[in-house]
Amino acid sequence: MNLVVAVCALTLTAAALMALLRIAKGPTMLDRVVALDVLVAVVVIALCVEAAANRHATTLPAIVVLALLGFVGSVSVARYAAKEERE
């Protein structure tokens, strides 16, 4: 079990670093928003791995709130970008 958690942590760390690089470097606002959405997803998955490894569900409300914030934020920016393109 510890090996699986370590592999998950290593993979999630690499994904988070690549997302942070895209946030810092991304040429457009939409690239940065997608990278931020990926970063939020990585944090949600990391919380899920932690909850599964420790066999508890106390982080479930935080997971749900973060997932909802990521979704609403992405949809809001997409609507803003679509409105900007029409003008």
C-alpha atoms as a PDB file:
ATOM      1  CA  MET A   1       0.000   0.000   0.000  1.00  0.00           C
ATOM      2  CA  ASN A   2       2.830   2.419   0.828  1.00  0.00           C
ATOM      3  CA  LEU A   3       4.410   1.861  -2.581  1.00  0.00           C
ATOM      4  CA  VAL A   4       1.136   2.680  -4.336  1.00  0.00           C
ATOM      5  CA  VAL A   5       0.735   5.884  -2.318  1.00  0.00           C
ATOM      6  CA  ALA A   6       4.343   6.873  -3.055  1.00  0.00           C
ATOM      7  CA  VAL A   7       3.877   6.302  -6.801  1.00  0.00           C
ATOM      8  CA  CYS A   8       0.639   8.313  -6.734  1.00  0.00           C
ATOM      9  CA  ALA A   9       2.335  11.133  -4.831  1.00  0.00           C
ATOM     10  CA  LEU A  10       5.231  11.222  -7.268  1.00  0.00           C
ATOM     11  CA  THR A  11       2.929  11.257 -10.282  1.00  0.00           C
ATOM     12  CA  LEU A  12       0.691  13.949  -8.807  1.00  0.00           C
ATOM     13  CA  THR A  13       3.719  16.073  -7.925  1.00  0.00           C
ATOM     14  CA  ALA A  14       4.976  15.865 -11.502  1.00  0.00           C
ATOM     15  CA  ALA A  15       1.518  16.790 -12.834  1.00  0.00           C
ATOM     16  CA  ALA A  16       1.261  19.734 -10.441  1.00  0.00           C
ATOM     17  CA  LEU A  17       4.693  21.031 -11.433  1.00  0.00           C
ATOM     18  CA  MET A  18       3.835  20.823 -15.123  1.00  0.00           C
ATOM     19  CA  ALA A  19       0.539  22.634 -14.493  1.00  0.00           C
ATOM     20  CA  LEU A  20       2.347  25.353 -12.540  1.00  0.00           C
ATOM     21  CA  LEU A  21       4.807  25.736 -15.392  1.00  0.00           C
ATOM     22  CA  ARG A  22       1.927  26.166 -17.862  1.00  0.00           C
ATOM     23  CA  ILE A  23       0.270  28.707 -15.549  1.00  0.00           C
ATOM     24  CA  ALA A  24       3.475  30.746 -15.415  1.00  0.00           C
ATOM     25  CA  LYS A  25       4.387  30.354 -19.081  1.00  0.00           C
ATOM     26  CA  GLY A  26       1.052  29.972 -20.902  1.00  0.00           C
ATOM     27  CA  PRO A  27       0.748  32.379 -23.793  1.00  0.00           C
ATOM     28  CA  THR A  28      -3.011  32.967 -23.466  1.00  0.00           C
ATOM     29  CA  MET A  29      -5.491  33.364 -20.663  1.00  0.00           C
ATOM     30  CA  LEU A  30      -7.302  30.185 -21.686  1.00  0.00           C
ATOM     31  CA  ASP A  31      -4.076  28.161 -21.426  1.00  0.00           C
ATOM     32  CA  ARG A  32      -3.627  29.439 -17.890  1.00  0.00           C
ATOM     33  CA  VAL A  33      -7.242  28.643 -16.980  1.00  0.00           C
ATOM     34  CA  VAL A  34      -6.959  25.084 -18.273  1.00  0.00           C
ATOM     35  CA  ALA A  35      -3.722  24.631 -16.329  1.00  0.00           C
ATOM     36  CA  LEU A  36      -5.378  25.995 -13.195  1.00  0.00           C
ATOM     37  CA  ASP A  37      -8.245  23.562 -13.684  1.00  0.00           C
ATOM     38  CA  VAL A  38      -5.728  20.730 -14.000  1.00  0.00           C
ATOM     39  CA  LEU A  39      -4.038  21.911 -10.790  1.00  0.00           C
ATOM     40  CA  VAL A  40      -7.353  21.892  -8.936  1.00  0.00           C
ATOM     41  CA  ALA A  41      -8.021  18.375 -10.247  1.00  0.00           C
ATOM     42  CA  VAL A  42      -4.581  17.260  -9.036  1.00  0.00           C
ATOM     43  CA  VAL A  43      -5.317  18.634  -5.558  1.00  0.00           C
ATOM     44  CA  VAL A  44      -8.692  16.854  -5.511  1.00  0.00           C
ATOM     45  CA  ILE A  45      -7.064  13.580  -6.542  1.00  0.00           C
ATOM     46  CA  ALA A  46      -4.329  14.031  -3.928  1.00  0.00           C
ATOM     47  CA  LEU A  47      -6.992  14.469  -1.248  1.00  0.00           C
ATOM     48  CA  CYS A  48      -8.743  11.349  -2.509  1.00  0.00           C
ATOM     49  CA  VAL A  49      -5.504   9.353  -2.350  1.00  0.00           C
ATOM     50  CA  GLU A  50      -4.869  10.612   1.176  1.00  0.00           C
ATOM     51  CA  ALA A  51      -8.383   9.663   2.269  1.00  0.00           C
ATOM     52  CA  ALA A  52      -8.066   6.203   0.708  1.00  0.00           C
ATOM     53  CA  ALA A  53      -4.632   5.605   2.238  1.00  0.00           C
ATOM     54  CA  ASN A  54      -5.763   6.596   5.730  1.00  0.00           C
ATOM     55  CA  ARG A  55      -9.216   4.999   5.356  1.00  0.00           C
ATOM     56  CA  HIS A  56     -11.326   7.973   6.392  1.00  0.00           C
ATOM     57  CA  ALA A  57     -13.921  10.203   4.795  1.00  0.00           C
ATOM     58  CA  THR A  58     -13.378  13.416   6.716  1.00  0.00           C
ATOM     59  CA  THR A  59     -11.913  15.154   3.662  1.00  0.00           C
ATOM     60  CA  LEU A  60     -14.969  14.418   1.528  1.00  0.00           C
ATOM     61  CA  PRO A  61     -16.563  17.878   2.027  1.00  0.00           C
ATOM     62  CA  ALA A  62     -13.310  19.573   0.997  1.00  0.00           C
ATOM     63  CA  ILE A  63     -13.077  17.337  -2.061  1.00  0.00           C
ATOM     64  CA  VAL A  64     -16.621  18.176  -3.132  1.00  0.00           C
ATOM     65  CA  VAL A  65     -16.140  21.918  -2.600  1.00  0.00           C
ATOM     66  CA  LEU A  66     -12.857  21.987  -4.520  1.00  0.00           C
ATOM     67  CA  ALA A  67     -14.333  20.003  -7.408  1.00  0.00           C
ATOM     68  CA  LEU A  68     -17.332  22.335  -7.541  1.00  0.00           C
ATOM     69  CA  LEU A  69     -15.138  25.454  -7.441  1.00  0.00           C
ATOM     70  CA  GLY A  70     -12.961  24.098 -10.232  1.00  0.00           C
ATOM     71  CA  PHE A  71     -15.972  23.346 -12.397  1.00  0.00           C
ATOM     72  CA  VAL A  72     -17.715  26.670 -11.783  1.00  0.00           C
ATOM     73  CA  GLY A  73     -14.495  28.604 -12.338  1.00  0.00           C
ATOM     74  CA  SER A  74     -13.790  26.879 -15.644  1.00  0.00           C
ATOM     75  CA  VAL A  75     -17.330  27.385 -16.895  1.00  0.00           C
ATOM     76  CA  SER A  76     -17.273  31.054 -15.881  1.00  0.00           C
ATOM     77  CA  VAL A  77     -14.042  31.759 -17.717  1.00  0.00           C
ATOM     78  CA  ALA A  78     -15.226  29.830 -20.779  1.00  0.00           C
ATOM     79  CA  ARG A  79     -18.418  31.901 -20.896  1.00  0.00           C
ATOM     80  CA  TYR A  80     -16.410  35.101 -20.497  1.00  0.00           C
ATOM     81  CA  ALA A  81     -14.040  34.085 -23.308  1.00  0.00           C
ATOM     82  CA  ALA A  82     -16.939  33.121 -25.573  1.00  0.00           C
ATOM     83  CA  LYS A  83     -18.617  36.477 -24.935  1.00  0.00           C
ATOM     84  CA  GLU A  84     -15.361  38.273 -25.692  1.00  0.00           C
ATOM     85  CA  GLU A  85     -14.992  36.470 -29.047  1.00  0.00           C
ATOM     86  CA  ARG A  86     -18.492  37.517 -30.178  1.00  0.00           C
ATOM     87  CA  GLU A  87     -17.707  41.208 -29.748  1.00  0.00           C
END
